Every structure is written in structure tokens, then in C-alpha cells.
Protein backbone atom coordinates (compact mmCIF):
# COMPACT_ATOMS: atom_id res chain seq x y z
CA GLY A 1 -27.84 -78.54 -13.00
CA LEU A 2 -30.22 -76.49 -15.16
CA ALA A 3 -27.97 -73.43 -15.46
CA ILE A 4 -25.07 -75.58 -16.63
CA SER A 5 -27.29 -77.32 -19.19
CA MET A 6 -28.52 -73.97 -20.54
CA GLN A 7 -24.97 -72.58 -20.69
CA TYR A 8 -23.79 -75.73 -22.48
CA SER A 9 -26.60 -75.46 -25.03
CA VAL A 10 -25.89 -71.77 -25.65
CA THR A 11 -22.17 -72.48 -26.10
CA ARG A 12 -22.94 -75.34 -28.46
CA CYS A 13 -25.19 -73.03 -30.47
CA GLN A 14 -22.72 -70.16 -30.58
CA ILE A 15 -19.64 -72.14 -31.66
CA PRO A 16 -20.99 -73.27 -35.09
CA VAL A 17 -22.48 -69.82 -35.70
CA LYS A 18 -19.07 -68.20 -35.15
CA ALA A 19 -17.43 -70.82 -37.35
CA GLN A 20 -19.85 -70.08 -40.20
CA HIS A 21 -19.28 -66.35 -39.76
CA GLN A 22 -15.52 -66.78 -40.07
CA ARG A 23 -15.88 -69.02 -43.13
CA GLN A 24 -18.06 -66.44 -44.86
CA ASN A 25 -15.62 -63.61 -44.05
CA SER A 26 -12.61 -65.47 -45.43
């Protein structure tokens, strides 16, 4: 329930951050 929701939110937050990081590097 709650743990899954938190994990999902964290994953959703981290994915775009990593994508932006890679775009800036290249």
C-alpha cells in the first residue's frame, strides 16, 4: 500500500532527473 506508493513516487521522480542528467552530459 503506502510503501509501494512511496517507492513509485520516488522512481517517477528519479527517472526524469536521470534523463535530464544524461541530456546535459551529451
